[in-house]
């Protein structure tokens, strides 16, 4: 990829680990029982820059979400874009114990992002309750703008 400068401040402030196709699954596995989120972004993506700036404007609220953060430039790691059928960025995918819980597409403000995180946590809670009762709930993703 060309050496184009990227504002990586948000990546550093929130401790986002960079992922490639080769490191993706192992890194998510290392997240263990944390709710993991992967921020898919691209070079020269105006909306990605808006999202990063909005997050940086409210760092305490973003940290309060208690997420294990990752990021990936899908223009550099095109195979991840294909794997997750991304048609645009920014997109955030939520994972728990390596299973995809859902996604948020575009930055529509902190409130909607908090709601997406809450929906992902509810899926974890429901799955844990079902497992304790002897059942099983599959993680699913309908492609909506928040975890399904």
N, C-alpha and C. Protein backbone atom coordinates (compact mmCIF):
# COMPACT_ATOMS: atom_id res chain seq x y z
N UNK A 1 0.85 -1.17 0.00
CA UNK A 1 0.00 0.00 0.00
C UNK A 1 0.90 1.23 0.00
N UNK A 2 0.46 2.28 -0.64
CA UNK A 2 1.22 3.52 -0.66
C UNK A 2 1.35 4.06 0.74
N UNK A 3 2.41 4.80 0.97
CA UNK A 3 2.65 5.35 2.30
C UNK A 3 1.85 6.64 2.48
N UNK A 4 0.56 6.49 2.73
CA UNK A 4 -0.34 7.62 2.93
C UNK A 4 -0.51 7.81 4.43
N UNK A 5 -0.28 9.03 4.93
CA UNK A 5 -0.42 9.23 6.38
C UNK A 5 -1.86 9.03 6.84
N UNK A 6 -1.99 8.35 7.97
CA UNK A 6 -3.30 8.07 8.55
C UNK A 6 -3.30 8.63 9.97
N UNK A 7 -4.38 9.30 10.36
CA UNK A 7 -4.51 9.77 11.73
C UNK A 7 -4.83 8.56 12.59
N UNK A 8 -3.84 8.07 13.30
CA UNK A 8 -4.00 6.87 14.11
C UNK A 8 -4.20 7.19 15.59
N UNK A 9 -4.51 8.44 15.91
CA UNK A 9 -4.69 8.85 17.30
C UNK A 9 -5.74 7.99 18.01
N UNK A 10 -6.88 7.78 17.39
CA UNK A 10 -7.95 7.00 18.03
C UNK A 10 -7.49 5.57 18.29
N UNK A 11 -6.71 5.02 17.37
CA UNK A 11 -6.21 3.66 17.55
C UNK A 11 -5.36 3.57 18.82
N UNK A 12 -4.51 4.58 19.01
CA UNK A 12 -3.63 4.59 20.18
C UNK A 12 -4.42 4.88 21.46
N UNK A 13 -5.30 5.87 21.43
CA UNK A 13 -6.04 6.29 22.62
C UNK A 13 -6.89 5.14 23.18
N UNK A 14 -7.48 4.35 22.30
CA UNK A 14 -8.36 3.27 22.75
C UNK A 14 -7.68 1.90 22.71
N UNK A 15 -6.37 1.88 22.49
CA UNK A 15 -5.62 0.64 22.52
C UNK A 15 -6.07 -0.36 21.48
N UNK A 16 -6.39 0.13 20.28
CA UNK A 16 -6.86 -0.76 19.22
C UNK A 16 -5.69 -1.51 18.60
N UNK A 17 -5.78 -2.82 18.63
CA UNK A 17 -4.78 -3.68 18.01
C UNK A 17 -5.09 -3.82 16.54
N UNK A 18 -4.08 -3.62 15.69
CA UNK A 18 -4.28 -3.75 14.24
C UNK A 18 -4.38 -5.22 13.86
N UNK A 19 -5.34 -5.53 12.99
CA UNK A 19 -5.55 -6.91 12.53
C UNK A 19 -5.34 -7.02 11.03
N UNK A 20 -4.80 -8.15 10.64
CA UNK A 20 -4.72 -8.54 9.23
C UNK A 20 -5.52 -9.84 9.10
N UNK A 21 -5.66 -10.32 7.89
CA UNK A 21 -6.35 -11.60 7.71
C UNK A 21 -5.62 -12.71 8.45
N UNK A 22 -4.29 -12.64 8.46
CA UNK A 22 -3.49 -13.68 9.11
C UNK A 22 -3.62 -13.66 10.63
N UNK A 23 -3.80 -12.48 11.22
CA UNK A 23 -3.83 -12.37 12.68
C UNK A 23 -5.25 -12.32 13.25
N UNK A 24 -6.25 -12.22 12.41
CA UNK A 24 -7.62 -11.93 12.84
C UNK A 24 -8.16 -12.94 13.86
N UNK A 25 -8.24 -14.20 13.50
CA UNK A 25 -8.88 -15.19 14.37
C UNK A 25 -8.12 -15.41 15.67
N UNK A 26 -6.79 -15.43 15.60
CA UNK A 26 -5.99 -15.63 16.82
C UNK A 26 -6.15 -14.46 17.77
N UNK A 27 -6.18 -13.24 17.24
CA UNK A 27 -6.34 -12.06 18.10
C UNK A 27 -7.69 -12.06 18.78
N UNK A 28 -8.74 -12.42 18.05
CA UNK A 28 -10.07 -12.49 18.67
C UNK A 28 -10.12 -13.57 19.74
N UNK A 29 -9.46 -14.68 19.50
CA UNK A 29 -9.42 -15.76 20.49
C UNK A 29 -8.73 -15.27 21.77
N UNK A 30 -7.71 -14.44 21.63
CA UNK A 30 -7.00 -13.91 22.78
C UNK A 30 -7.85 -12.94 23.60
N UNK A 31 -8.91 -12.42 23.00
CA UNK A 31 -9.79 -11.50 23.73
C UNK A 31 -10.57 -12.25 24.81
N UNK A 32 -10.65 -13.56 24.70
CA UNK A 32 -11.29 -14.38 25.74
C UNK A 32 -12.73 -13.99 25.98
N UNK A 33 -13.04 -13.68 27.24
CA UNK A 33 -14.42 -13.36 27.63
C UNK A 33 -14.77 -11.87 27.49
N UNK A 34 -13.87 -11.09 26.93
CA UNK A 34 -14.16 -9.66 26.71
C UNK A 34 -15.03 -9.52 25.47
N UNK A 35 -15.90 -8.53 25.47
CA UNK A 35 -16.64 -8.19 24.26
C UNK A 35 -15.65 -7.46 23.35
N UNK A 36 -15.38 -8.06 22.20
CA UNK A 36 -14.42 -7.50 21.26
C UNK A 36 -15.16 -6.78 20.14
N UNK A 37 -14.55 -5.70 19.68
CA UNK A 37 -15.11 -4.97 18.55
C UNK A 37 -13.98 -4.69 17.56
N UNK A 38 -14.28 -4.93 16.28
CA UNK A 38 -13.32 -4.64 15.22
C UNK A 38 -13.84 -3.45 14.43
N UNK A 39 -13.04 -2.41 14.38
CA UNK A 39 -13.35 -1.19 13.64
C UNK A 39 -12.73 -1.36 12.25
N UNK A 40 -13.58 -1.61 11.25
CA UNK A 40 -13.14 -1.69 9.87
C UNK A 40 -13.20 -0.29 9.27
N UNK A 41 -12.11 0.15 8.70
CA UNK A 41 -11.99 1.50 8.16
C UNK A 41 -11.20 1.44 6.86
N UNK A 42 -11.06 2.59 6.20
CA UNK A 42 -10.28 2.66 4.97
C UNK A 42 -9.60 4.00 4.81
N UNK A 43 -8.57 4.00 3.99
CA UNK A 43 -7.84 5.23 3.69
C UNK A 43 -8.75 6.22 2.96
N UNK A 44 -8.56 7.48 3.25
CA UNK A 44 -9.33 8.54 2.60
C UNK A 44 -10.83 8.37 2.76
N UNK A 45 -11.24 7.74 3.85
CA UNK A 45 -12.66 7.54 4.15
C UNK A 45 -13.11 8.69 5.06
N UNK A 46 -13.84 9.61 4.50
CA UNK A 46 -14.29 10.78 5.26
C UNK A 46 -15.09 10.38 6.50
N UNK A 47 -16.03 9.43 6.33
CA UNK A 47 -16.86 9.01 7.45
C UNK A 47 -16.06 8.28 8.53
N UNK A 48 -14.99 7.60 8.13
CA UNK A 48 -14.12 6.95 9.11
C UNK A 48 -13.43 8.01 9.97
N UNK A 49 -12.98 9.07 9.33
CA UNK A 49 -12.32 10.16 10.07
C UNK A 49 -13.31 10.86 11.01
N UNK A 50 -14.54 11.05 10.55
CA UNK A 50 -15.57 11.65 11.40
C UNK A 50 -15.80 10.77 12.62
N UNK A 51 -15.89 9.45 12.41
CA UNK A 51 -16.11 8.52 13.52
C UNK A 51 -14.96 8.58 14.51
N UNK A 52 -13.72 8.58 14.03
CA UNK A 52 -12.57 8.63 14.93
C UNK A 52 -12.58 9.94 15.74
N UNK A 53 -12.87 11.05 15.08
CA UNK A 53 -12.91 12.33 15.78
C UNK A 53 -14.03 12.37 16.82
N UNK A 54 -15.18 11.82 16.48
CA UNK A 54 -16.30 11.78 17.43
C UNK A 54 -15.95 10.92 18.64
N UNK A 55 -15.29 9.81 18.41
CA UNK A 55 -14.87 8.95 19.51
C UNK A 55 -13.85 9.68 20.40
N UNK A 56 -12.92 10.37 19.77
CA UNK A 56 -11.90 11.10 20.53
C UNK A 56 -12.48 12.27 21.31
N UNK A 57 -13.61 12.79 20.86
CA UNK A 57 -14.26 13.89 21.57
C UNK A 57 -14.92 13.42 22.87
N UNK A 58 -15.13 12.09 22.99
CA UNK A 58 -15.80 11.52 24.17
C UNK A 58 -15.05 10.28 24.67
N UNK A 59 -13.76 10.42 24.96
CA UNK A 59 -12.98 9.21 25.27
C UNK A 59 -13.47 8.47 26.51
N UNK A 60 -13.94 9.17 27.52
CA UNK A 60 -14.40 8.50 28.73
C UNK A 60 -15.65 7.66 28.45
N UNK A 61 -16.55 8.18 27.65
CA UNK A 61 -17.77 7.43 27.30
C UNK A 61 -17.43 6.20 26.46
N UNK A 62 -16.46 6.32 25.57
CA UNK A 62 -16.05 5.18 24.75
C UNK A 62 -15.36 4.13 25.63
N UNK A 63 -14.48 4.57 26.52
CA UNK A 63 -13.81 3.61 27.42
C UNK A 63 -14.81 2.94 28.36
N UNK A 64 -15.85 3.66 28.76
CA UNK A 64 -16.86 3.11 29.68
C UNK A 64 -17.62 1.94 29.07
N UNK A 65 -17.55 1.77 27.77
CA UNK A 65 -18.22 0.66 27.11
C UNK A 65 -17.54 -0.68 27.42
N UNK A 66 -16.29 -0.63 27.90
CA UNK A 66 -15.59 -1.84 28.32
C UNK A 66 -15.32 -2.82 27.19
N UNK A 67 -14.87 -2.32 26.06
CA UNK A 67 -14.64 -3.16 24.89
C UNK A 67 -13.16 -3.48 24.71
N UNK A 68 -12.87 -4.60 24.11
CA UNK A 68 -11.53 -4.94 23.64
C UNK A 68 -11.50 -4.53 22.18
N UNK A 69 -10.68 -3.54 21.87
CA UNK A 69 -10.70 -2.90 20.56
C UNK A 69 -9.67 -3.48 19.58
N UNK A 70 -10.11 -3.60 18.34
CA UNK A 70 -9.24 -3.98 17.23
C UNK A 70 -9.59 -3.06 16.06
N UNK A 71 -8.69 -2.98 15.08
CA UNK A 71 -9.00 -2.22 13.87
C UNK A 71 -8.33 -2.87 12.67
N UNK A 72 -8.91 -2.62 11.50
CA UNK A 72 -8.33 -3.13 10.27
C UNK A 72 -8.69 -2.21 9.10
N UNK A 73 -7.68 -1.88 8.32
CA UNK A 73 -7.86 -1.10 7.10
C UNK A 73 -8.26 -2.09 6.00
N UNK A 74 -9.51 -2.07 5.59
CA UNK A 74 -9.99 -3.05 4.62
C UNK A 74 -9.48 -2.80 3.20
N UNK A 75 -8.92 -1.62 2.95
CA UNK A 75 -8.31 -1.40 1.65
C UNK A 75 -6.96 -2.09 1.58
N UNK A 76 -6.31 -2.23 2.72
CA UNK A 76 -5.05 -2.95 2.79
C UNK A 76 -5.28 -4.45 2.95
N UNK A 77 -6.29 -4.81 3.72
CA UNK A 77 -6.60 -6.21 4.00
C UNK A 77 -7.93 -6.57 3.34
N UNK A 78 -7.92 -6.57 2.02
CA UNK A 78 -9.14 -6.77 1.23
C UNK A 78 -9.83 -8.10 1.53
N UNK A 79 -9.04 -9.11 1.90
CA UNK A 79 -9.65 -10.41 2.18
C UNK A 79 -10.59 -10.33 3.38
N UNK A 80 -10.33 -9.43 4.33
CA UNK A 80 -11.26 -9.25 5.46
C UNK A 80 -12.54 -8.57 4.99
N UNK A 81 -12.41 -7.61 4.10
CA UNK A 81 -13.59 -6.98 3.53
C UNK A 81 -14.48 -7.99 2.82
N UNK A 82 -13.85 -8.90 2.10
CA UNK A 82 -14.63 -9.96 1.41
C UNK A 82 -15.20 -10.94 2.43
N UNK A 83 -14.41 -11.33 3.40
CA UNK A 83 -14.87 -12.29 4.41
C UNK A 83 -16.13 -11.82 5.11
N UNK A 84 -16.18 -10.52 5.43
CA UNK A 84 -17.33 -9.98 6.16
C UNK A 84 -18.30 -9.24 5.24
N UNK A 85 -18.12 -9.40 3.94
CA UNK A 85 -19.01 -8.82 2.93
C UNK A 85 -19.28 -7.34 3.17
N UNK A 86 -18.21 -6.60 3.40
CA UNK A 86 -18.34 -5.17 3.66
C UNK A 86 -18.59 -4.42 2.36
N UNK A 87 -19.59 -3.56 2.42
CA UNK A 87 -19.90 -2.73 1.27
C UNK A 87 -19.62 -1.27 1.57
N UNK A 88 -19.16 -1.01 2.77
CA UNK A 88 -18.82 0.35 3.15
C UNK A 88 -18.17 0.38 4.51
N UNK A 89 -17.47 1.45 4.75
CA UNK A 89 -16.83 1.68 6.04
C UNK A 89 -17.17 3.10 6.46
N UNK A 90 -17.17 3.39 7.73
CA UNK A 90 -16.76 2.52 8.82
C UNK A 90 -17.84 1.50 9.19
N UNK A 91 -17.37 0.35 9.63
CA UNK A 91 -18.23 -0.71 10.14
C UNK A 91 -17.54 -1.32 11.35
N UNK A 92 -18.32 -1.61 12.37
CA UNK A 92 -17.81 -2.26 13.59
C UNK A 92 -18.49 -3.60 13.73
N UNK A 93 -17.72 -4.66 13.90
CA UNK A 93 -18.26 -5.99 14.18
C UNK A 93 -17.97 -6.35 15.62
N UNK A 94 -18.96 -6.91 16.29
CA UNK A 94 -18.84 -7.31 17.69
C UNK A 94 -18.67 -8.82 17.77
N UNK A 95 -17.75 -9.26 18.62
CA UNK A 95 -17.45 -10.68 18.79
C UNK A 95 -17.36 -11.03 20.27
N UNK A 96 -17.75 -12.25 20.58
CA UNK A 96 -17.60 -12.78 21.93
C UNK A 96 -17.14 -14.22 21.81
N UNK A 97 -16.00 -14.51 22.42
CA UNK A 97 -15.39 -15.85 22.31
C UNK A 97 -15.27 -16.29 20.86
N UNK A 98 -14.92 -15.35 20.01
CA UNK A 98 -14.69 -15.63 18.60
C UNK A 98 -15.94 -15.69 17.74
N UNK A 99 -17.12 -15.61 18.35
CA UNK A 99 -18.38 -15.67 17.58
C UNK A 99 -18.87 -14.26 17.28
N UNK A 100 -19.28 -14.08 16.05
CA UNK A 100 -19.80 -12.77 15.63
C UNK A 100 -21.19 -12.58 16.20
N UNK A 101 -21.39 -11.44 16.87
CA UNK A 101 -22.68 -11.13 17.47
C UNK A 101 -23.51 -10.17 16.62
N UNK A 102 -22.85 -9.34 15.85
CA UNK A 102 -23.56 -8.35 15.05
C UNK A 102 -22.63 -7.26 14.61
N UNK A 103 -23.22 -6.20 14.07
CA UNK A 103 -22.40 -5.11 13.57
C UNK A 103 -23.12 -3.78 13.69
N UNK A 104 -22.35 -2.74 13.60
CA UNK A 104 -22.87 -1.38 13.50
C UNK A 104 -22.23 -0.78 12.24
N UNK A 105 -23.05 -0.20 11.40
CA UNK A 105 -22.53 0.39 10.16
C UNK A 105 -22.69 1.89 10.21
N UNK A 106 -21.64 2.58 9.86
CA UNK A 106 -21.64 4.04 9.91
C UNK A 106 -21.61 4.55 11.34
N UNK A 107 -21.21 5.78 11.51
CA UNK A 107 -21.22 6.41 12.83
C UNK A 107 -22.46 7.29 12.90
N UNK A 108 -23.40 6.90 13.74
CA UNK A 108 -24.65 7.64 13.89
C UNK A 108 -24.76 8.26 15.27
N UNK A 109 -23.62 8.44 15.91
CA UNK A 109 -23.60 9.06 17.22
C UNK A 109 -23.33 8.06 18.33
N UNK A 110 -22.91 8.59 19.45
CA UNK A 110 -22.57 7.75 20.60
C UNK A 110 -23.76 6.94 21.08
N UNK A 111 -24.94 7.54 21.14
CA UNK A 111 -26.11 6.84 21.63
C UNK A 111 -26.42 5.57 20.85
N UNK A 112 -26.35 5.66 19.53
CA UNK A 112 -26.62 4.46 18.72
C UNK A 112 -25.51 3.44 18.87
N UNK A 113 -24.28 3.90 19.03
CA UNK A 113 -23.19 2.95 19.22
C UNK A 113 -23.34 2.26 20.58
N UNK A 114 -23.71 3.01 21.61
CA UNK A 114 -23.96 2.41 22.93
C UNK A 114 -25.08 1.39 22.85
N UNK A 115 -26.11 1.67 22.07
CA UNK A 115 -27.22 0.72 21.90
C UNK A 115 -26.74 -0.55 21.21
N UNK A 116 -25.85 -0.43 20.23
CA UNK A 116 -25.31 -1.61 19.55
C UNK A 116 -24.49 -2.45 20.53
N UNK A 117 -23.70 -1.80 21.38
CA UNK A 117 -22.92 -2.52 22.38
C UNK A 117 -23.87 -3.21 23.37
N UNK A 118 -24.90 -2.52 23.79
CA UNK A 118 -25.87 -3.10 24.73
C UNK A 118 -26.56 -4.32 24.10
N UNK A 119 -26.89 -4.24 22.82
CA UNK A 119 -27.52 -5.38 22.14
C UNK A 119 -26.56 -6.57 22.07
N UNK A 120 -25.29 -6.31 21.83
CA UNK A 120 -24.29 -7.39 21.82
C UNK A 120 -24.18 -8.02 23.20
N UNK A 121 -24.15 -7.19 24.24
CA UNK A 121 -24.06 -7.73 25.61
C UNK A 121 -25.32 -8.53 25.97
N UNK A 122 -26.46 -8.12 25.46
CA UNK A 122 -27.69 -8.87 25.72
C UNK A 122 -27.62 -10.25 25.06
N UNK A 123 -27.03 -10.32 23.87
CA UNK A 123 -26.86 -11.62 23.21
C UNK A 123 -25.96 -12.52 24.05
N UNK A 124 -24.92 -11.96 24.62
CA UNK A 124 -24.03 -12.74 25.47
C UNK A 124 -24.80 -13.25 26.68
N UNK A 125 -25.55 -12.36 27.32
CA UNK A 125 -26.33 -12.73 28.50
C UNK A 125 -27.34 -13.83 28.16
N UNK A 126 -28.04 -13.66 27.07
CA UNK A 126 -29.04 -14.65 26.66
C UNK A 126 -28.38 -15.99 26.33
N UNK A 127 -27.25 -15.94 25.67
CA UNK A 127 -26.53 -17.17 25.35
C UNK A 127 -26.03 -17.88 26.59
N UNK A 128 -25.53 -17.11 27.55
CA UNK A 128 -25.06 -17.71 28.80
C UNK A 128 -26.22 -18.32 29.58
N UNK A 129 -27.36 -17.63 29.58
CA UNK A 129 -28.53 -18.16 30.29
C UNK A 129 -29.02 -19.44 29.62
N UNK A 130 -29.03 -19.46 28.30
CA UNK A 130 -29.47 -20.65 27.57
C UNK A 130 -28.51 -21.81 27.81
N UNK A 131 -27.21 -21.53 27.82
CA UNK A 131 -26.23 -22.57 28.07
C UNK A 131 -26.37 -23.13 29.48
N UNK A 132 -26.64 -22.26 30.44
CA UNK A 132 -26.83 -22.71 31.83
C UNK A 132 -28.07 -23.59 31.95
N UNK A 133 -29.06 -23.33 31.10
CA UNK A 133 -30.30 -24.11 31.12
C UNK A 133 -30.22 -25.34 30.22
N UNK A 134 -29.07 -25.54 29.58
CA UNK A 134 -28.90 -26.71 28.72
C UNK A 134 -29.22 -26.46 27.27
N UNK A 135 -29.56 -25.24 26.91
CA UNK A 135 -29.87 -24.92 25.52
C UNK A 135 -28.68 -24.26 24.85
N UNK A 136 -28.90 -23.78 23.65
CA UNK A 136 -27.83 -23.12 22.91
C UNK A 136 -28.46 -22.08 21.99
N UNK A 137 -27.89 -20.88 21.99
CA UNK A 137 -28.35 -19.82 21.09
C UNK A 137 -27.19 -19.51 20.15
N UNK A 138 -27.45 -19.57 18.86
CA UNK A 138 -26.44 -19.27 17.86
C UNK A 138 -26.28 -17.77 17.71
N UNK A 139 -25.04 -17.32 17.55
CA UNK A 139 -24.80 -15.93 17.22
C UNK A 139 -25.21 -15.72 15.78
N UNK A 140 -25.83 -14.60 15.47
CA UNK A 140 -26.28 -14.35 14.11
C UNK A 140 -26.06 -12.90 13.77
N UNK A 141 -26.09 -12.60 12.50
CA UNK A 141 -25.93 -11.24 12.03
C UNK A 141 -26.81 -11.05 10.81
N UNK A 142 -27.80 -10.19 10.94
CA UNK A 142 -28.71 -9.98 9.82
C UNK A 142 -28.25 -8.87 8.90
N UNK A 143 -27.10 -8.25 9.24
CA UNK A 143 -26.60 -7.19 8.38
C UNK A 143 -27.21 -5.84 8.69
N UNK A 144 -27.88 -5.70 9.81
CA UNK A 144 -28.47 -4.42 10.20
C UNK A 144 -27.43 -3.46 10.71
N UNK A 145 -27.87 -2.31 11.18
CA UNK A 145 -26.93 -1.31 11.65
C UNK A 145 -26.56 -1.46 13.10
N UNK A 146 -27.09 -2.48 13.76
CA UNK A 146 -26.69 -2.75 15.12
C UNK A 146 -26.76 -4.25 15.34
N UNK A 147 -26.13 -4.73 16.41
CA UNK A 147 -26.19 -6.17 16.63
C UNK A 147 -27.64 -6.64 16.66
N UNK A 148 -27.85 -7.78 16.04
CA UNK A 148 -29.21 -8.32 15.90
C UNK A 148 -29.62 -9.03 17.16
